[in-house]
Amino acid sequence: MKLSELLTENFVTAGLTGKNKFQLIEELLDLLHAGGKIVDRELALKDVLAREGYLSTGLENGLAIPHAKTDGVGELVMSFGLKKDGVDFDSLDNKPAHLIFLVLSPRDTSGPHIRALAAITKNLKDAEKRKSLLGAQSSEEIKKMINKFES
């Protein structure tokens, strides 16, 4: 699975503005909603927040991947945003998250959801890739970097 196939420029932002992880999740959800990828916004939000309440999706090294299975989407969808000054995401390393991916998939599927999460962690385990993304100034620049990571 290629991140570049799921992340169009419309679903990427270099300037998340939320002050906490819940506001950031809503911002990323709204990118997908504006792009026509969300069938039921409130249900998708409820499901991702329930998943986040169960166990934080803040990983390490500034990466967070809030995700959920939900009937609020008809297919696997993903958005990405940068939070340059970071936000507390209850991460495993107790450091702020800067690189935030939102992944939603239909409740009745599992393979694509797992592959999407694996693709994110595989592509961002390299410190140089994370550093270059954090320095991006635009959605276009982020998209080009992700394409380059996968080539």
Protein backbone atom coordinates (compact mmCIF):
# COMPACT_ATOMS: atom_id res chain seq x y z
CA MET A 1 0.00 0.00 0.00
CA LYS A 2 1.29 3.44 -0.92
CA LEU A 3 0.59 6.47 1.22
CA SER A 4 0.93 8.64 -1.87
CA GLU A 5 -2.16 7.00 -3.38
CA LEU A 6 -4.31 7.87 -0.36
CA LEU A 7 -2.91 11.30 0.45
CA THR A 8 -3.81 13.84 -2.18
CA GLU A 9 -2.87 17.48 -1.54
CA ASN A 10 -6.48 18.11 -0.44
CA PHE A 11 -5.98 15.73 2.47
CA VAL A 12 -2.66 17.19 3.64
CA THR A 13 -1.96 20.34 5.62
CA ALA A 14 1.32 21.90 6.72
CA GLY A 15 -0.38 24.04 9.34
CA LEU A 16 -2.60 22.34 11.89
CA THR A 17 -3.92 24.94 14.33
CA GLY A 18 -5.64 22.92 17.05
CA LYS A 19 -4.46 23.26 20.64
CA ASN A 20 -5.04 19.63 21.66
CA LYS A 21 -5.21 16.21 20.06
CA PHE A 22 -9.00 16.26 19.82
CA GLN A 23 -9.02 19.53 17.88
CA LEU A 24 -6.31 18.17 15.56
CA ILE A 25 -8.34 15.02 14.91
CA GLU A 26 -11.32 17.20 13.96
CA GLU A 27 -9.17 19.30 11.62
CA LEU A 28 -7.91 16.19 9.84
CA LEU A 29 -11.42 14.75 9.70
CA ASP A 30 -12.70 18.00 8.19
CA LEU A 31 -10.12 17.75 5.37
CA LEU A 32 -11.60 14.38 4.45
CA HIS A 33 -15.16 15.61 4.90
CA ALA A 34 -14.58 18.62 2.64
CA GLY A 35 -13.13 16.25 0.04
CA GLY A 36 -16.29 14.12 0.05
CA LYS A 37 -14.66 11.10 1.69
CA ILE A 38 -16.81 11.00 4.85
CA VAL A 39 -20.30 9.49 4.71
CA ASP A 40 -21.24 10.47 8.28
CA ARG A 41 -18.93 13.01 9.94
CA GLU A 42 -20.39 12.75 13.43
CA LEU A 43 -20.22 8.95 13.45
CA ALA A 44 -16.64 8.96 12.14
CA LEU A 45 -15.65 11.49 14.82
CA LYS A 46 -17.40 9.52 17.55
CA ASP A 47 -15.62 6.32 16.51
CA VAL A 48 -12.14 7.83 16.28
CA LEU A 49 -12.53 9.60 19.63
CA ALA A 50 -13.78 6.36 21.22
CA ARG A 51 -10.70 4.57 19.86
CA GLU A 52 -8.48 7.35 21.17
CA GLY A 53 -10.14 7.10 24.58
CA TYR A 54 -9.46 3.38 24.70
CA LEU A 55 -5.72 3.73 24.03
CA SER A 56 -3.79 6.74 22.81
CA THR A 57 -2.48 6.59 19.26
CA GLY A 58 0.48 8.81 20.05
CA LEU A 59 3.53 6.75 19.16
CA GLU A 60 7.14 7.93 19.49
CA ASN A 61 9.42 10.39 17.75
CA GLY A 62 6.69 12.97 17.16
CA LEU A 63 4.34 10.60 15.32
CA ALA A 64 0.65 10.06 16.07
CA ILE A 65 -1.79 7.95 14.08
CA PRO A 66 -5.35 8.40 15.32
CA HIS A 67 -7.40 5.73 13.58
CA ALA A 68 -10.67 3.86 13.74
CA LYS A 69 -12.99 1.54 11.94
CA THR A 70 -16.28 3.26 11.33
CA ASP A 71 -19.45 3.14 9.29
CA GLY A 72 -18.81 6.86 8.72
CA VAL A 73 -16.65 6.05 5.66
CA GLY A 74 -17.23 3.89 2.62
CA GLU A 75 -13.56 3.12 1.95
CA LEU A 76 -10.14 3.47 3.55
CA VAL A 77 -9.29 7.17 3.83
CA MET A 78 -6.33 9.07 5.23
CA SER A 79 -5.29 12.64 5.97
CA PHE A 80 -2.06 14.11 7.31
CA GLY A 81 -1.11 17.28 9.10
CA LEU A 82 1.91 18.99 10.61
CA LYS A 83 1.78 20.61 14.02
CA LYS A 84 5.15 22.37 14.01
CA ASP A 85 5.11 23.33 17.69
CA GLY A 86 3.74 19.93 18.66
CA VAL A 87 0.85 18.88 20.85
CA ASP A 88 0.47 16.47 23.74
CA PHE A 89 -0.86 13.22 22.28
CA ASP A 90 -0.23 10.98 25.29
CA SER A 91 2.64 9.52 23.27
CA LEU A 92 4.62 6.46 24.33
CA ASP A 93 7.77 8.59 24.77
CA ASN A 94 5.88 11.43 26.53
CA LYS A 95 7.00 13.88 23.82
CA PRO A 96 4.72 16.09 21.69
CA ALA A 97 3.37 14.86 18.37
CA HIS A 98 4.19 16.87 15.25
CA LEU A 99 3.34 14.45 12.42
CA ILE A 100 -0.28 13.34 12.61
CA PHE A 101 -2.01 10.89 10.29
CA LEU A 102 -5.74 10.17 10.54
CA VAL A 103 -6.75 6.76 9.17
CA LEU A 104 -10.38 5.64 8.88
CA SER A 105 -11.71 2.49 7.30
CA PRO A 106 -15.05 0.74 7.05
CA ARG A 107 -15.93 -1.33 10.08
CA ASP A 108 -16.25 -4.56 8.08
CA THR A 109 -12.69 -4.53 6.69
CA SER A 110 -9.35 -5.11 8.38
CA GLY A 111 -6.60 -5.84 5.84
CA PRO A 112 -6.36 -2.36 4.26
CA HIS A 113 -6.54 -0.68 7.67
CA ILE A 114 -3.62 -2.71 9.03
CA ARG A 115 -1.60 -2.20 5.82
CA ALA A 116 -2.14 1.58 6.00
CA LEU A 117 -0.91 1.74 9.59
CA ALA A 118 2.10 -0.43 8.69
CA ALA A 119 2.93 1.78 5.66
CA ILE A 120 2.96 4.89 7.84
CA THR A 121 5.22 3.41 10.50
CA LYS A 122 7.51 1.85 7.89
CA ASN A 123 7.92 5.11 5.97
CA LEU A 124 8.42 7.26 9.07
CA LYS A 125 10.74 5.09 11.14
CA ASP A 126 13.66 6.97 9.53
CA ALA A 127 14.63 10.09 11.51
CA GLU A 128 15.69 11.99 8.37
CA LYS A 129 12.28 11.47 6.75
CA ARG A 130 10.52 12.73 9.87
CA LYS A 131 12.85 15.74 10.04
CA SER A 132 12.30 16.62 6.38
CA LEU A 133 8.51 16.41 6.76
CA LEU A 134 8.62 18.62 9.83
CA GLY A 135 10.41 21.27 7.77
CA ALA A 136 7.79 21.27 4.99
CA GLN A 137 6.13 24.61 4.28
CA SER A 138 3.18 23.52 2.13
CA SER A 139 0.85 20.64 1.31
CA GLU A 140 2.49 20.37 -2.10
CA GLU A 141 5.92 20.00 -0.51
CA ILE A 142 4.62 17.30 1.86
CA LYS A 143 3.05 15.42 -1.03
CA LYS A 144 6.31 15.51 -3.00
CA MET A 145 8.25 14.21 0.01
CA ILE A 146 5.86 11.31 0.54
CA ASN A 147 6.11 10.41 -3.15
CA LYS A 148 9.90 10.49 -2.85
CA PHE A 149 9.88 8.32 0.30
CA GLU A 150 8.05 5.61 -1.61
CA SER A 151 10.10 5.68 -4.81
